[in-house]
C-alpha atoms as a PDB file:
ATOM      1  CA  MET A   1      22.360  -9.090   2.988  1.00  0.00           C
ATOM      2  CA  VAL A   2      20.467  -8.496   6.202  1.00  0.00           C
ATOM      3  CA  SER A   3      22.312  -9.733   9.286  1.00  0.00           C
ATOM      4  CA  SER A   4      20.647 -12.332  11.485  1.00  0.00           C
ATOM      5  CA  SER A   5      20.460  -9.907  14.408  1.00  0.00           C
ATOM      6  CA  VAL A   6      18.544  -7.366  12.230  1.00  0.00           C
ATOM      7  CA  LYS A   7      16.192 -10.186  11.054  1.00  0.00           C
ATOM      8  CA  LEU A   8      15.595 -11.133  14.679  1.00  0.00           C
ATOM      9  CA  LEU A   9      14.709  -7.551  15.589  1.00  0.00           C
ATOM     10  CA  LEU A  10      12.419  -7.178  12.602  1.00  0.00           C
ATOM     11  CA  SER A  11      10.653 -10.437  13.475  1.00  0.00           C
ATOM     12  CA  ALA A  12      10.275  -9.340  17.103  1.00  0.00           C
ATOM     13  CA  PHE A  13       8.506  -6.190  15.932  1.00  0.00           C
ATOM     14  CA  GLY A  14       6.448  -7.968  13.300  1.00  0.00           C
ATOM     15  CA  LEU A  15       8.038  -6.104  10.438  1.00  0.00           C
ATOM     16  CA  MET A  16       9.878  -8.947   8.745  1.00  0.00           C
ATOM     17  CA  GLY A  17       7.479  -8.778   5.855  1.00  0.00           C
ATOM     18  CA  PHE A  18       8.744  -5.299   5.015  1.00  0.00           C
ATOM     19  CA  ALA A  19      12.295  -6.626   4.692  1.00  0.00           C
ATOM     20  CA  THR A  20      11.344  -9.074   1.978  1.00  0.00           C
ATOM     21  CA  ALA A  21      10.008  -8.417  -1.512  1.00  0.00           C
ATOM     22  CA  ALA A  22       6.247  -8.516  -1.811  1.00  0.00           C
ATOM     23  CA  VAL A  23       4.045  -9.733  -4.633  1.00  0.00           C
ATOM     24  CA  GLN A  24       1.651  -7.384  -6.430  1.00  0.00           C
ATOM     25  CA  CYS A  25      -1.730  -6.942  -4.827  1.00  0.00           C
ATOM     26  CA  ASP A  26      -4.552  -7.939  -7.215  1.00  0.00           C
ATOM     27  CA  LEU A  27      -6.399  -5.191  -9.062  1.00  0.00           C
ATOM     28  CA  VAL A  28     -10.146  -5.706  -8.500  1.00  0.00           C
ATOM     29  CA  ALA A  29     -12.294  -4.927 -11.591  1.00  0.00           C
ATOM     30  CA  SER A  30     -15.577  -4.975  -9.669  1.00  0.00           C
ATOM     31  CA  ASP A  31     -17.385  -1.630  -9.521  1.00  0.00           C
ATOM     32  CA  ASP A  32     -18.586  -2.092  -5.942  1.00  0.00           C
ATOM     33  CA  CYS A  33     -15.135  -2.815  -4.410  1.00  0.00           C
ATOM     34  CA  GLY A  34     -16.533  -3.293  -0.932  1.00  0.00           C
ATOM     35  CA  ARG A  35     -18.726  -0.214  -1.148  1.00  0.00           C
ATOM     36  CA  ASN A  36     -21.702  -2.249   0.103  1.00  0.00           C
ATOM     37  CA  SER A  37     -19.853  -3.161   3.266  1.00  0.00           C
ATOM     38  CA  HIS A  38     -18.116  -1.366   6.097  1.00  0.00           C
ATOM     39  CA  SER A  39     -15.247   0.964   4.999  1.00  0.00           C
ATOM     40  CA  LEU A  40     -12.818   3.263   6.785  1.00  0.00           C
ATOM     41  CA  ASP A  41     -10.463   6.007   5.599  1.00  0.00           C
ATOM     42  CA  HIS A  42      -6.883   5.788   6.849  1.00  0.00           C
ATOM     43  CA  LYS A  43      -3.836   7.987   6.493  1.00  0.00           C
ATOM     44  CA  LEU A  44      -1.330   6.987   3.825  1.00  0.00           C
ATOM     45  CA  PRO A  45       2.317   7.864   4.344  1.00  0.00           C
ATOM     46  CA  THR A  46       3.545  10.709   2.129  1.00  0.00           C
ATOM     47  CA  SER A  47       7.326  10.268   2.664  1.00  0.00           C
ATOM     48  CA  VAL A  48       9.234   7.342   1.092  1.00  0.00           C
ATOM     49  CA  GLY A  49      10.184   4.870   3.826  1.00  0.00           C
ATOM     50  CA  SER A  50       7.380   5.884   6.203  1.00  0.00           C
ATOM     51  CA  THR A  51       4.907   3.343   7.545  1.00  0.00           C
ATOM     52  CA  PHE A  52       1.473   3.932   9.074  1.00  0.00           C
ATOM     53  CA  PHE A  53      -0.372   1.355  11.138  1.00  0.00           C
ATOM     54  CA  ALA A  54      -4.168   0.979  11.369  1.00  0.00           C
ATOM     55  CA  ASP A  55      -6.435  -1.503  13.065  1.00  0.00           C
ATOM     56  CA  GLY A  56      -8.378  -3.653  10.573  1.00  0.00           C
ATOM     57  CA  PHE A  57     -12.060  -3.906  11.306  1.00  0.00           C
ATOM     58  CA  HIS A  58     -12.179  -7.659  10.603  1.00  0.00           C
ATOM     59  CA  GLY A  59      -9.141  -8.236  12.780  1.00  0.00           C
ATOM     60  CA  GLY A  60      -5.433  -7.748  12.546  1.00  0.00           C
ATOM     61  CA  VAL A  61      -3.421  -4.671  11.794  1.00  0.00           C
ATOM     62  CA  VAL A  62      -2.908  -3.059   8.386  1.00  0.00           C
ATOM     63  CA  ASN A  63       0.608  -1.676   7.869  1.00  0.00           C
ATOM     64  CA  ALA A  64       0.888   0.716   4.898  1.00  0.00           C
ATOM     65  CA  LYS A  65       4.428   1.662   3.813  1.00  0.00           C
ATOM     66  CA  PHE A  66       5.449   4.144   1.098  1.00  0.00           C
ATOM     67  CA  GLU A  67       8.077   2.001  -0.531  1.00  0.00           C
ATOM     68  CA  SER A  68       9.339   4.053  -3.442  1.00  0.00           C
ATOM     69  CA  GLU A  69       8.826   6.847  -5.947  1.00  0.00           C
ATOM     70  CA  THR A  70      10.451   6.235  -9.307  1.00  0.00           C
ATOM     71  CA  GLN A  71      10.326   7.872 -12.736  1.00  0.00           C
ATOM     72  CA  SER A  72       7.563   6.367 -14.834  1.00  0.00           C
ATOM     73  CA  VAL A  73       9.526   6.918 -17.984  1.00  0.00           C
ATOM     74  CA  SER A  74      13.306   7.368 -18.028  1.00  0.00           C
ATOM     75  CA  GLY A  75      14.227  10.966 -18.666  1.00  0.00           C
ATOM     76  CA  ASN A  76      10.713  12.309 -17.779  1.00  0.00           C
ATOM     77  CA  SER A  77      10.635  13.628 -14.238  1.00  0.00           C
ATOM     78  CA  GLN A  78       7.030  14.889 -14.357  1.00  0.00           C
ATOM     79  CA  TYR A  79       5.440  11.440 -13.948  1.00  0.00           C
ATOM     80  CA  VAL A  80       6.373   8.913 -11.255  1.00  0.00           C
ATOM     81  CA  ASP A  81       5.278   5.467 -10.116  1.00  0.00           C
ATOM     82  CA  LEU A  82       4.366   5.337  -6.427  1.00  0.00           C
ATOM     83  CA  THR A  83       4.817   1.925  -4.739  1.00  0.00           C
ATOM     84  CA  TYR A  84       3.042   1.179  -1.479  1.00  0.00           C
ATOM     85  CA  ASN A  85       3.434  -2.048   0.549  1.00  0.00           C
ATOM     86  CA  PHE A  86       0.426  -3.310   2.492  1.00  0.00           C
ATOM     87  CA  ASN A  87       1.149  -5.934   5.148  1.00  0.00           C
ATOM     88  CA  LEU A  88      -1.587  -7.578   7.233  1.00  0.00           C
ATOM     89  CA  GLY A  89       0.757  -9.264   9.685  1.00  0.00           C
ATOM     90  CA  ASP A  90      -0.800 -12.370  11.176  1.00  0.00           C
ATOM     91  CA  TYR A  91      -4.283 -11.717   9.653  1.00  0.00           C
ATOM     92  CA  ASP A  92      -5.120 -14.432   7.113  1.00  0.00           C
ATOM     93  CA  GLY A  93      -8.005 -12.699   5.469  1.00  0.00           C
ATOM     94  CA  THR A  94      -8.240 -10.190   2.605  1.00  0.00           C
ATOM     95  CA  TYR A  95      -9.066  -6.505   2.663  1.00  0.00           C
ATOM     96  CA  TRP A  96     -10.056  -4.331  -0.262  1.00  0.00           C
ATOM     97  CA  VAL A  97      -8.051  -1.099  -0.510  1.00  0.00           C
ATOM     98  CA  GLN A  98      -9.126   1.845  -2.597  1.00  0.00           C
ATOM     99  CA  LEU A  99      -6.408   4.247  -3.725  1.00  0.00           C
ATOM    100  CA  PRO A 100      -6.602   7.392  -5.855  1.00  0.00           C
ATOM    101  CA  THR A 101      -5.749   6.945  -9.495  1.00  0.00           C
ATOM    102  CA  SER A 102      -3.394   9.112 -11.515  1.00  0.00           C
ATOM    103  CA  PHE A 103      -6.070  10.311 -13.893  1.00  0.00           C
ATOM    104  CA  GLY A 104      -9.473  11.831 -13.508  1.00  0.00           C
ATOM    105  CA  GLY A 105      -9.767  11.841  -9.731  1.00  0.00           C
ATOM    106  CA  GLY A 106     -11.065   8.277  -9.588  1.00  0.00           C
ATOM    107  CA  THR A 107     -10.024   5.357  -7.396  1.00  0.00           C
ATOM    108  CA  SER A 108      -8.667   1.910  -8.081  1.00  0.00           C
ATOM    109  CA  CYS A 109      -9.459  -1.104  -5.914  1.00  0.00           C
ATOM    110  CA  TYR A 110      -6.930  -3.734  -4.821  1.00  0.00           C
ATOM    111  CA  ALA A 111      -7.321  -7.036  -2.978  1.00  0.00           C
ATOM    112  CA  VAL A 112      -4.741  -6.896  -0.178  1.00  0.00           C
ATOM    113  CA  TYR A 113      -3.689 -10.227   1.347  1.00  0.00           C
ATOM    114  CA  LYS A 114      -0.823 -10.887   3.760  1.00  0.00           C
ATOM    115  CA  ASN A 115       1.986  -8.789   2.201  1.00  0.00           C
ATOM    116  CA  CYS A 116       1.680  -7.224  -1.251  1.00  0.00           C
ATOM    117  CA  ASP A 117       2.582  -4.101  -3.205  1.00  0.00           C
ATOM    118  CA  VAL A 118       0.330  -1.599  -5.056  1.00  0.00           C
ATOM    119  CA  ILE A 119       1.856   0.597  -7.707  1.00  0.00           C
ATOM    120  CA  VAL A 120       0.085   3.831  -8.723  1.00  0.00           C
ATOM    121  CA  LYS A 121       1.527   4.492 -12.182  1.00  0.00           C
ATOM    122  CA  PHE A 122       2.115   7.836 -13.895  1.00  0.00           C
ATOM    123  CA  TRP A 123       1.397  10.064 -10.864  1.00  0.00           C
ATOM    124  CA  ASP A 124       1.798  13.699 -11.934  1.00  0.00           C
ATOM    125  CA  LYS A 125       4.446  15.334  -9.677  1.00  0.00           C
ATOM    126  CA  ASN A 126       2.484  18.595  -9.967  1.00  0.00           C
ATOM    127  CA  ASN A 127      -0.104  16.934  -7.623  1.00  0.00           C
ATOM    128  CA  PRO A 128       0.650  16.044  -3.978  1.00  0.00           C
ATOM    129  CA  VAL A 129       1.045  12.282  -3.366  1.00  0.00           C
ATOM    130  CA  PRO A 130      -2.067  10.611  -1.970  1.00  0.00           C
ATOM    131  CA  ASP A 131      -2.497  10.996   1.801  1.00  0.00           C
ATOM    132  CA  HIS A 132      -5.283   8.521   2.449  1.00  0.00           C
ATOM    133  CA  TYR A 133      -6.718   5.177   1.392  1.00  0.00           C
ATOM    134  CA  THR A 134     -10.028   3.485   2.025  1.00  0.00           C
ATOM    135  CA  LEU A 135     -10.038   0.107   3.718  1.00  0.00           C
ATOM    136  CA  ALA A 136     -13.081  -1.979   2.796  1.00  0.00           C
END
């Protein structure tokens, strides 16, 4: 359990959302995924527990945290699931985030709102973890 003084400090720094479990960000099936609008590449943390902050172009701040790296299948250490938390702080809108996929060098698109998690499944450990995402 998190002590009340720790909660107070997290709230003061605007990081309280990282201390609570997040819902899954929605996978967007649309092919355009914000490609017709403004988009920016941002650094993605490559160490579990690290958080990078970026200004959102519609307002607010986008906090991207590398939450965890877990085995995709028990007993198989070659493939891992990468969990990232995206937190928009006080911003009430939605951003589209494009992340690399595990297969074929493509990207997947997610609707990020408030505080939600994205899981990149079956990432091959022979490849470096993603180091950027596109905010659209």
